[in-house]
Amino acid sequence: MPYVEFNLTKGATAEQKAQLVEGVTDLLVSVLNKNPSSTQVIIKEIDPDSWGISGRSVKRLRAEGKTANISKD
């Protein structure tokens, strides 16, 4: 029974979350031959002010327009 959990900052629409659940399920069926009826996909939404990257909250980084440019070094 596959169990996949995503932690996302709040903001995804219901349609986007539905597409994510369907897409991940389809991927597990296609790649690992898993049964879709036993595949679980969990989406946990976290407030942007409760998620930090590089010492700053995602809320602050978004306000500064910097979340797409965070270095991986």
N, C-alpha and C. Protein backbone atom coordinates (compact mmCIF):
# COMPACT_ATOMS: atom_id res chain seq x y z
N MET A 1 0.84 -1.18 0.00
CA MET A 1 0.00 0.00 0.00
C MET A 1 0.89 1.24 0.00
N PRO A 2 1.03 1.92 -1.13
CA PRO A 2 1.83 3.14 -1.17
C PRO A 2 1.18 4.27 -0.38
N TYR A 3 2.01 5.02 0.30
CA TYR A 3 1.59 6.19 1.07
C TYR A 3 2.54 7.32 0.70
N VAL A 4 2.01 8.37 0.11
CA VAL A 4 2.83 9.52 -0.30
C VAL A 4 2.29 10.74 0.42
N GLU A 5 3.20 11.50 1.04
CA GLU A 5 2.79 12.69 1.77
C GLU A 5 3.54 13.90 1.24
N PHE A 6 2.81 14.96 0.95
CA PHE A 6 3.37 16.22 0.50
C PHE A 6 3.15 17.28 1.57
N ASN A 7 4.17 18.05 1.84
CA ASN A 7 4.04 19.23 2.68
C ASN A 7 4.18 20.44 1.76
N LEU A 8 3.10 21.21 1.66
CA LEU A 8 3.07 22.38 0.78
C LEU A 8 2.68 23.61 1.59
N THR A 9 3.17 24.75 1.18
CA THR A 9 2.65 25.96 1.79
C THR A 9 1.24 26.19 1.26
N LYS A 10 0.42 26.80 2.10
CA LYS A 10 -0.98 27.04 1.71
C LYS A 10 -1.04 27.89 0.46
N GLY A 11 -2.05 27.64 -0.35
CA GLY A 11 -2.25 28.45 -1.54
C GLY A 11 -2.66 27.66 -2.76
N ALA A 12 -2.43 26.34 -2.74
CA ALA A 12 -2.85 25.53 -3.89
C ALA A 12 -4.37 25.46 -3.92
N THR A 13 -4.93 25.50 -5.11
CA THR A 13 -6.38 25.40 -5.25
C THR A 13 -6.83 23.96 -5.09
N ALA A 14 -8.12 23.77 -4.88
CA ALA A 14 -8.67 22.42 -4.79
C ALA A 14 -8.40 21.64 -6.07
N GLU A 15 -8.48 22.31 -7.20
CA GLU A 15 -8.21 21.65 -8.49
C GLU A 15 -6.74 21.22 -8.59
N GLN A 16 -5.83 22.07 -8.17
CA GLN A 16 -4.41 21.71 -8.20
C GLN A 16 -4.12 20.52 -7.30
N LYS A 17 -4.73 20.50 -6.12
CA LYS A 17 -4.53 19.38 -5.21
C LYS A 17 -5.12 18.10 -5.79
N ALA A 18 -6.28 18.19 -6.42
CA ALA A 18 -6.88 17.02 -7.06
C ALA A 18 -5.98 16.49 -8.17
N GLN A 19 -5.40 17.39 -8.96
CA GLN A 19 -4.48 16.98 -10.03
C GLN A 19 -3.24 16.32 -9.45
N LEU A 20 -2.74 16.83 -8.35
CA LEU A 20 -1.58 16.24 -7.69
C LEU A 20 -1.88 14.83 -7.22
N VAL A 21 -3.01 14.64 -6.55
CA VAL A 21 -3.41 13.31 -6.07
C VAL A 21 -3.56 12.34 -7.24
N GLU A 22 -4.25 12.77 -8.29
CA GLU A 22 -4.45 11.90 -9.45
C GLU A 22 -3.13 11.60 -10.16
N GLY A 23 -2.30 12.61 -10.33
CA GLY A 23 -1.04 12.42 -11.03
C GLY A 23 -0.08 11.50 -10.30
N VAL A 24 0.02 11.66 -8.99
CA VAL A 24 0.90 10.80 -8.19
C VAL A 24 0.38 9.37 -8.20
N THR A 25 -0.92 9.21 -8.08
CA THR A 25 -1.50 7.87 -8.14
C THR A 25 -1.21 7.22 -9.48
N ASP A 26 -1.43 7.95 -10.56
CA ASP A 26 -1.15 7.42 -11.90
C ASP A 26 0.32 7.05 -12.06
N LEU A 27 1.21 7.85 -11.51
CA LEU A 27 2.64 7.57 -11.59
C LEU A 27 3.00 6.27 -10.87
N LEU A 28 2.44 6.07 -9.69
CA LEU A 28 2.71 4.84 -8.94
C LEU A 28 2.15 3.61 -9.65
N VAL A 29 1.02 3.77 -10.29
CA VAL A 29 0.45 2.67 -11.07
C VAL A 29 1.35 2.37 -12.26
N SER A 30 1.77 3.41 -12.97
CA SER A 30 2.58 3.25 -14.18
C SER A 30 3.98 2.71 -13.90
N VAL A 31 4.65 3.27 -12.92
CA VAL A 31 6.05 2.93 -12.67
C VAL A 31 6.20 1.68 -11.80
N LEU A 32 5.38 1.57 -10.77
CA LEU A 32 5.53 0.48 -9.81
C LEU A 32 4.43 -0.57 -9.88
N ASN A 33 3.49 -0.39 -10.81
CA ASN A 33 2.38 -1.32 -10.97
C ASN A 33 1.56 -1.47 -9.68
N LYS A 34 1.35 -0.35 -8.98
CA LYS A 34 0.59 -0.37 -7.73
C LYS A 34 -0.90 -0.26 -8.02
N ASN A 35 -1.68 -0.79 -7.11
CA ASN A 35 -3.13 -0.75 -7.21
C ASN A 35 -3.61 0.64 -6.79
N PRO A 36 -4.30 1.36 -7.66
CA PRO A 36 -4.73 2.71 -7.30
C PRO A 36 -5.71 2.74 -6.12
N SER A 37 -6.46 1.67 -5.93
CA SER A 37 -7.43 1.67 -4.83
C SER A 37 -6.77 1.56 -3.46
N SER A 38 -5.50 1.17 -3.42
CA SER A 38 -4.80 1.10 -2.13
C SER A 38 -3.72 2.18 -2.01
N THR A 39 -3.67 3.09 -2.97
CA THR A 39 -2.66 4.15 -2.96
C THR A 39 -3.22 5.37 -2.22
N GLN A 40 -2.46 5.83 -1.25
CA GLN A 40 -2.87 6.98 -0.45
C GLN A 40 -1.95 8.16 -0.73
N VAL A 41 -2.56 9.32 -0.98
CA VAL A 41 -1.80 10.55 -1.17
C VAL A 41 -2.34 11.57 -0.18
N ILE A 42 -1.46 12.07 0.66
CA ILE A 42 -1.84 13.02 1.70
C ILE A 42 -1.18 14.36 1.40
N ILE A 43 -1.96 15.43 1.46
CA ILE A 43 -1.42 16.77 1.27
C ILE A 43 -1.61 17.54 2.57
N LYS A 44 -0.50 17.98 3.14
CA LYS A 44 -0.54 18.80 4.34
C LYS A 44 -0.16 20.22 3.95
N GLU A 45 -1.01 21.16 4.34
CA GLU A 45 -0.75 22.56 4.02
C GLU A 45 -0.21 23.28 5.25
N ILE A 46 0.84 24.04 5.04
CA ILE A 46 1.52 24.74 6.12
C ILE A 46 1.47 26.24 5.83
N ASP A 47 1.19 27.02 6.86
CA ASP A 47 1.19 28.47 6.69
C ASP A 47 2.58 28.94 6.24
N PRO A 48 2.66 29.84 5.28
CA PRO A 48 3.95 30.33 4.82
C PRO A 48 4.80 30.98 5.92
N ASP A 49 4.15 31.49 6.97
CA ASP A 49 4.93 32.06 8.06
C ASP A 49 5.43 30.99 9.03
N SER A 50 5.05 29.73 8.81
CA SER A 50 5.51 28.61 9.63
C SER A 50 6.52 27.74 8.90
N TRP A 51 7.01 28.19 7.75
CA TRP A 51 7.98 27.43 6.96
C TRP A 51 9.15 28.36 6.67
N GLY A 52 10.34 27.93 7.04
CA GLY A 52 11.51 28.78 6.84
C GLY A 52 12.50 28.20 5.85
N ILE A 53 13.12 29.07 5.09
CA ILE A 53 14.18 28.72 4.14
C ILE A 53 15.27 29.77 4.29
N SER A 54 16.48 29.33 4.42
CA SER A 54 17.62 30.26 4.52
C SER A 54 17.44 31.28 5.65
N GLY A 55 16.83 30.85 6.74
CA GLY A 55 16.68 31.73 7.90
C GLY A 55 15.53 32.71 7.84
N ARG A 56 14.70 32.64 6.80
CA ARG A 56 13.56 33.54 6.69
C ARG A 56 12.31 32.75 6.35
N SER A 57 11.17 33.26 6.77
CA SER A 57 9.92 32.58 6.48
C SER A 57 9.59 32.68 4.99
N VAL A 58 8.86 31.70 4.50
CA VAL A 58 8.42 31.73 3.10
C VAL A 58 7.54 32.96 2.87
N LYS A 59 6.74 33.33 3.86
CA LYS A 59 5.90 34.52 3.73
C LYS A 59 6.77 35.75 3.44
N ARG A 60 7.85 35.90 4.19
CA ARG A 60 8.75 37.04 3.99
C ARG A 60 9.45 36.94 2.63
N LEU A 61 9.93 35.75 2.29
CA LEU A 61 10.61 35.58 1.00
C LEU A 61 9.68 35.89 -0.17
N ARG A 62 8.43 35.46 -0.06
CA ARG A 62 7.46 35.78 -1.13
C ARG A 62 7.24 37.28 -1.23
N ALA A 63 7.15 37.94 -0.08
CA ALA A 63 6.96 39.39 -0.09
C ALA A 63 8.13 40.09 -0.75
N GLU A 64 9.31 39.50 -0.60
CA GLU A 64 10.52 40.06 -1.22
C GLU A 64 10.70 39.56 -2.65
N GLY A 65 9.82 38.66 -3.10
CA GLY A 65 9.91 38.12 -4.45
C GLY A 65 11.08 37.19 -4.65
N LYS A 66 11.50 36.48 -3.60
CA LYS A 66 12.73 35.70 -3.67
C LYS A 66 12.56 34.19 -3.62
N THR A 67 11.38 33.65 -3.49
CA THR A 67 11.26 32.19 -3.30
C THR A 67 11.70 31.40 -4.51
N ALA A 68 11.62 31.93 -5.70
CA ALA A 68 12.04 31.19 -6.89
C ALA A 68 13.54 31.24 -7.10
N ASN A 69 14.24 32.07 -6.35
CA ASN A 69 15.67 32.28 -6.59
C ASN A 69 16.55 31.82 -5.43
N ILE A 70 16.06 30.94 -4.59
CA ILE A 70 16.85 30.50 -3.44
C ILE A 70 17.94 29.55 -3.90
N SER A 71 19.16 29.84 -3.51
CA SER A 71 20.32 29.04 -3.89
C SER A 71 20.34 27.73 -3.12
N LYS A 72 20.85 26.67 -3.76
CA LYS A 72 20.95 25.36 -3.12
C LYS A 72 22.33 25.12 -2.52
N ASP A 73 23.20 26.11 -2.50
CA ASP A 73 24.55 25.87 -1.98
C ASP A 73 24.66 26.00 -0.49
